[in-house]
């Protein structure tokens, strides 16, 4: 059981690290080219909206 929890924990660390880097990259691109924090929020909300819609 502890091996499984360690493996899951390691994957979550990578998940959060990669997600943080992607948010920073997306923020830079949106603010550089669109110069709108509203567009940034909309782009960042898309994955959550897709999951919510797919679960219904």
PDB file of N, CA and C in Angstrom:
ATOM      1  N   UNK A   1       0.829  -1.199   0.000  1.00  0.00           N
ATOM      2  CA  UNK A   1       0.000   0.000   0.000  1.00  0.00           C
ATOM      3  C   UNK A   1       0.868   1.255   0.000  1.00  0.00           C
ATOM      4  N   UNK A   2       1.953   1.241   0.736  1.00  0.00           N
ATOM      5  CA  UNK A   2       2.798   2.431   0.795  1.00  0.00           C
ATOM      6  C   UNK A   2       3.527   2.667  -0.526  1.00  0.00           C
ATOM      7  N   UNK A   3       3.833   1.583  -1.260  1.00  0.00           N
ATOM      8  CA  UNK A   3       4.471   1.745  -2.566  1.00  0.00           C
ATOM      9  C   UNK A   3       3.543   2.463  -3.540  1.00  0.00           C
ATOM     10  N   UNK A   4       2.271   2.117  -3.484  1.00  0.00           N
ATOM     11  CA  UNK A   4       1.293   2.744  -4.365  1.00  0.00           C
ATOM     12  C   UNK A   4       1.145   4.214  -4.025  1.00  0.00           C
ATOM     13  N   UNK A   5       1.052   4.532  -2.753  1.00  0.00           N
ATOM     14  CA  UNK A   5       0.885   5.931  -2.363  1.00  0.00           C
ATOM     15  C   UNK A   5       2.107   6.758  -2.724  1.00  0.00           C
ATOM     16  N   UNK A   6       3.295   6.169  -2.625  1.00  0.00           N
ATOM     17  CA  UNK A   6       4.510   6.888  -3.012  1.00  0.00           C
ATOM     18  C   UNK A   6       4.512   7.132  -4.516  1.00  0.00           C
ATOM     19  N   UNK A   7       4.112   6.143  -5.302  1.00  0.00           N
ATOM     20  CA  UNK A   7       4.070   6.302  -6.757  1.00  0.00           C
ATOM     21  C   UNK A   7       3.066   7.373  -7.162  1.00  0.00           C
ATOM     22  N   UNK A   8       1.914   7.370  -6.527  1.00  0.00           N
ATOM     23  CA  UNK A   8       0.894   8.377  -6.826  1.00  0.00           C
ATOM     24  C   UNK A   8       1.396   9.753  -6.419  1.00  0.00           C
ATOM     25  N   UNK A   9       2.021   9.839  -5.280  1.00  0.00           N
ATOM     26  CA  UNK A   9       2.543  11.117  -4.799  1.00  0.00           C
ATOM     27  C   UNK A   9       3.604  11.672  -5.748  1.00  0.00           C
ATOM     28  N   UNK A  10       4.474  10.806  -6.257  1.00  0.00           N
ATOM     29  CA  UNK A  10       5.496  11.248  -7.208  1.00  0.00           C
ATOM     30  C   UNK A  10       4.864  11.758  -8.497  1.00  0.00           C
ATOM     31  N   UNK A  11       3.836  11.083  -8.962  1.00  0.00           N
ATOM     32  CA  UNK A  11       3.166  11.534 -10.183  1.00  0.00           C
ATOM     33  C   UNK A  11       2.456  12.860  -9.963  1.00  0.00           C
ATOM     34  N   UNK A  12       1.868  13.050  -8.794  1.00  0.00           N
ATOM     35  CA  UNK A  12       1.208  14.316  -8.507  1.00  0.00           C
ATOM     36  C   UNK A  12       2.200  15.467  -8.471  1.00  0.00           C
ATOM     37  N   UNK A  13       3.400  15.201  -7.967  1.00  0.00           N
ATOM     38  CA  UNK A  13       4.429  16.239  -7.943  1.00  0.00           C
ATOM     39  C   UNK A  13       4.750  16.673  -9.369  1.00  0.00           C
ATOM     40  N   UNK A  14       4.911  15.709 -10.279  1.00  0.00           N
ATOM     41  CA  UNK A  14       5.173  16.049 -11.677  1.00  0.00           C
ATOM     42  C   UNK A  14       3.978  16.754 -12.301  1.00  0.00           C
ATOM     43  N   UNK A  15       2.785  16.295 -11.995  1.00  0.00           N
ATOM     44  CA  UNK A  15       1.566  16.904 -12.530  1.00  0.00           C
ATOM     45  C   UNK A  15       1.497  18.378 -12.167  1.00  0.00           C
ATOM     46  N   UNK A  16       1.690  18.692 -10.891  1.00  0.00           N
ATOM     47  CA  UNK A  16       1.614  20.085 -10.452  1.00  0.00           C
ATOM     48  C   UNK A  16       2.755  20.920 -11.014  1.00  0.00           C
ATOM     49  N   UNK A  17       3.937  20.358 -11.103  1.00  0.00           N
ATOM     50  CA  UNK A  17       5.084  21.098 -11.644  1.00  0.00           C
ATOM     51  C   UNK A  17       4.886  21.429 -13.116  1.00  0.00           C
ATOM     52  N   UNK A  18       4.456  20.447 -13.882  1.00  0.00           N
ATOM     53  CA  UNK A  18       4.220  20.675 -15.311  1.00  0.00           C
ATOM     54  C   UNK A  18       3.063  21.648 -15.505  1.00  0.00           C
ATOM     55  N   UNK A  19       2.015  21.498 -14.720  1.00  0.00           N
ATOM     56  CA  UNK A  19       0.875  22.409 -14.812  1.00  0.00           C
ATOM     57  C   UNK A  19       1.256  23.844 -14.509  1.00  0.00           C
ATOM     58  N   UNK A  20       2.095  24.037 -13.508  1.00  0.00           N
ATOM     59  CA  UNK A  20       2.549  25.382 -13.162  1.00  0.00           C
ATOM     60  C   UNK A  20       3.360  25.986 -14.299  1.00  0.00           C
ATOM     61  N   UNK A  21       4.241  25.205 -14.885  1.00  0.00           N
ATOM     62  CA  UNK A  21       5.041  25.698 -16.018  1.00  0.00           C
ATOM     63  C   UNK A  21       4.150  26.039 -17.209  1.00  0.00           C
ATOM     64  N   UNK A  22       3.135  25.228 -17.469  1.00  0.00           N
ATOM     65  CA  UNK A  22       2.227  25.505 -18.581  1.00  0.00           C
ATOM     66  C   UNK A  22       1.407  26.767 -18.340  1.00  0.00           C
ATOM     67  N   UNK A  23       0.998  27.004 -17.111  1.00  0.00           N
ATOM     68  CA  UNK A  23       0.252  28.221 -16.787  1.00  0.00           C
ATOM     69  C   UNK A  23       1.131  29.448 -17.003  1.00  0.00           C
ATOM     70  N   UNK A  24       2.383  29.363 -16.590  1.00  0.00           N
ATOM     71  CA  UNK A  24       3.303  30.486 -16.788  1.00  0.00           C
ATOM     72  C   UNK A  24       3.513  30.747 -18.273  1.00  0.00           C
ATOM     73  N   UNK A  25       3.709  29.691 -19.050  1.00  0.00           N
ATOM     74  CA  UNK A  25       3.896  29.843 -20.491  1.00  0.00           C
ATOM     75  C   UNK A  25       2.652  30.433 -21.148  1.00  0.00           C
ATOM     76  N   UNK A  26       1.488  29.919 -20.800  1.00  0.00           N
ATOM     77  CA  UNK A  26       0.245  30.441 -21.361  1.00  0.00           C
ATOM     78  C   UNK A  26       0.032  31.894 -20.957  1.00  0.00           C
ATOM     79  N   UNK A  27       0.351  32.228 -19.718  1.00  0.00           N
ATOM     80  CA  UNK A  27       0.219  33.610 -19.256  1.00  0.00           C
ATOM     81  C   UNK A  27       1.105  34.536 -20.072  1.00  0.00           C
ATOM     82  N   UNK A  28       2.326  34.112 -20.290  1.00  0.00           N
ATOM     83  CA  UNK A  28       3.249  34.934 -21.066  1.00  0.00           C
ATOM     84  C   UNK A  28       2.727  35.141 -22.490  1.00  0.00           C
ATOM     85  N   UNK A  29       2.259  34.055 -23.124  1.00  0.00           N
ATOM     86  CA  UNK A  29       1.776  34.157 -24.498  1.00  0.00           C
ATOM     87  C   UNK A  29       0.535  35.032 -24.603  1.00  0.00           C
ATOM     88  N   UNK A  30      -0.416  34.823 -23.724  1.00  0.00           N
ATOM     89  CA  UNK A  30      -1.665  35.590 -23.788  1.00  0.00           C
ATOM     90  C   UNK A  30      -1.407  37.063 -23.505  1.00  0.00           C
ATOM     91  N   UNK A  31      -0.619  37.353 -22.493  1.00  0.00           N
ATOM     92  CA  UNK A  31      -0.364  38.754 -22.158  1.00  0.00           C
ATOM     93  C   UNK A  31       0.508  39.433 -23.213  1.00  0.00           C
ATOM     94  N   UNK A  32       1.380  38.669 -23.851  1.00  0.00           N
ATOM     95  CA  UNK A  32       2.252  39.231 -24.890  1.00  0.00           C
ATOM     96  C   UNK A  32       1.463  39.580 -26.151  1.00  0.00           C
ATOM     97  N   UNK A  33       0.592  38.668 -26.581  1.00  0.00           N
ATOM     98  CA  UNK A  33      -0.077  38.846 -27.863  1.00  0.00           C
ATOM     99  C   UNK A  33      -1.494  39.402 -27.759  1.00  0.00           C
ATOM    100  N   UNK A  34      -2.218  39.071 -26.713  1.00  0.00           N
ATOM    101  CA  UNK A  34      -3.593  39.555 -26.575  1.00  0.00           C
ATOM    102  C   UNK A  34      -3.714  40.694 -25.573  1.00  0.00           C
ATOM    103  N   UNK A  35      -2.763  40.784 -24.654  1.00  0.00           N
ATOM    104  CA  UNK A  35      -2.724  41.827 -23.633  1.00  0.00           C
ATOM    105  C   UNK A  35      -4.053  41.940 -22.878  1.00  0.00           C
ATOM    106  N   UNK A  36      -4.591  40.799 -22.490  1.00  0.00           N
ATOM    107  CA  UNK A  36      -5.872  40.788 -21.795  1.00  0.00           C
ATOM    108  C   UNK A  36      -5.892  39.683 -20.741  1.00  0.00           C
ATOM    109  N   UNK A  37      -6.008  40.082 -19.492  1.00  0.00           N
ATOM    110  CA  UNK A  37      -6.068  39.079 -18.426  1.00  0.00           C
ATOM    111  C   UNK A  37      -7.391  38.330 -18.478  1.00  0.00           C
ATOM    112  N   UNK A  38      -8.422  38.922 -19.076  1.00  0.00           N
ATOM    113  CA  UNK A  38      -9.712  38.233 -19.194  1.00  0.00           C
ATOM    114  C   UNK A  38      -9.607  37.023 -20.125  1.00  0.00           C
ATOM    115  N   UNK A  39      -8.874  37.182 -21.209  1.00  0.00           N
ATOM    116  CA  UNK A  39      -8.636  36.039 -22.097  1.00  0.00           C
ATOM    117  C   UNK A  39      -7.828  34.967 -21.377  1.00  0.00           C
ATOM    118  N   UNK A  40      -6.866  35.392 -20.581  1.00  0.00           N
ATOM    119  CA  UNK A  40      -6.049  34.439 -19.828  1.00  0.00           C
ATOM    120  C   UNK A  40      -6.919  33.612 -18.890  1.00  0.00           C
ATOM    121  N   UNK A  41      -7.805  34.260 -18.161  1.00  0.00           N
ATOM    122  CA  UNK A  41      -8.700  33.543 -17.246  1.00  0.00           C
ATOM    123  C   UNK A  41      -9.589  32.573 -18.022  1.00  0.00           C
ATOM    124  N   UNK A  42     -10.068  32.993 -19.180  1.00  0.00           N
ATOM    125  CA  UNK A  42     -10.911  32.114 -19.999  1.00  0.00           C
ATOM    126  C   UNK A  42     -10.130  30.886 -20.462  1.00  0.00           C
ATOM    127  N   UNK A  43      -8.895  31.089 -20.908  1.00  0.00           N
ATOM    128  CA  UNK A  43      -8.067  29.955 -21.335  1.00  0.00           C
ATOM    129  C   UNK A  43      -7.758  29.021 -20.177  1.00  0.00           C
ATOM    130  N   UNK A  44      -7.502  29.579 -19.004  1.00  0.00           N
ATOM    131  CA  UNK A  44      -7.173  28.752 -17.846  1.00  0.00           C
ATOM    132  C   UNK A  44      -8.383  27.982 -17.325  1.00  0.00           C
ATOM    133  N   UNK A  45      -9.580  28.480 -17.597  1.00  0.00           N
ATOM    134  CA  UNK A  45     -10.791  27.800 -17.143  1.00  0.00           C
ATOM    135  C   UNK A  45     -11.216  26.676 -18.091  1.00  0.00           C
ATOM    136  N   UNK A  46     -10.706  26.670 -19.304  1.00  0.00           N
ATOM    137  CA  UNK A  46     -11.127  25.670 -20.291  1.00  0.00           C
ATOM    138  C   UNK A  46     -10.948  24.219 -19.843  1.00  0.00           C
ATOM    139  N   UNK A  47      -9.811  23.811 -19.295  1.00  0.00           N
ATOM    140  CA  UNK A  47      -9.697  22.402 -18.880  1.00  0.00           C
ATOM    141  C   UNK A  47     -10.742  21.992 -17.843  1.00  0.00           C
ATOM    142  N   UNK A  48     -11.019  22.861 -16.893  1.00  0.00           N
ATOM    143  CA  UNK A  48     -12.033  22.545 -15.883  1.00  0.00           C
ATOM    144  C   UNK A  48     -13.414  22.439 -16.511  1.00  0.00           C
ATOM    145  N   UNK A  49     -13.721  23.337 -17.423  1.00  0.00           N
ATOM    146  CA  UNK A  49     -15.020  23.287 -18.091  1.00  0.00           C
ATOM    147  C   UNK A  49     -15.165  22.022 -18.932  1.00  0.00           C
ATOM    148  N   UNK A  50     -14.103  21.626 -19.595  1.00  0.00           N
ATOM    149  CA  UNK A  50     -14.147  20.404 -20.408  1.00  0.00           C
ATOM    150  C   UNK A  50     -14.405  19.186 -19.527  1.00  0.00           C
ATOM    151  N   UNK A  51     -13.755  19.119 -18.385  1.00  0.00           N
ATOM    152  CA  UNK A  51     -13.969  17.993 -17.465  1.00  0.00           C
ATOM    153  C   UNK A  51     -15.397  17.994 -16.946  1.00  0.00           C
ATOM    154  N   UNK A  52     -15.901  19.144 -16.555  1.00  0.00           N
ATOM    155  CA  UNK A  52     -17.269  19.233 -16.027  1.00  0.00           C
ATOM    156  C   UNK A  52     -18.281  18.798 -17.083  1.00  0.00           C
ATOM    157  N   UNK A  53     -18.103  19.264 -18.311  1.00  0.00           N
ATOM    158  CA  UNK A  53     -19.033  18.908 -19.382  1.00  0.00           C
ATOM    159  C   UNK A  53     -18.940  17.418 -19.716  1.00  0.00           C
ATOM    160  N   UNK A  54     -17.733  16.872 -19.713  1.00  0.00           N
ATOM    161  CA  UNK A  54     -17.581  15.457 -20.067  1.00  0.00           C
ATOM    162  C   UNK A  54     -18.114  14.520 -18.988  1.00  0.00           C
ATOM    163  N   UNK A  55     -18.197  14.967 -17.752  1.00  0.00           N
ATOM    164  CA  UNK A  55     -18.703  14.118 -16.674  1.00  0.00           C
ATOM    165  C   UNK A  55     -20.223  14.067 -16.618  1.00  0.00           C
ATOM    166  N   UNK A  56     -20.880  14.985 -17.281  1.00  0.00           N
ATOM    167  CA  UNK A  56     -22.349  14.998 -17.237  1.00  0.00           C
ATOM    168  C   UNK A  56     -22.941  14.033 -18.210  1.00  0.00           C
TER     169      UNK A  56
END
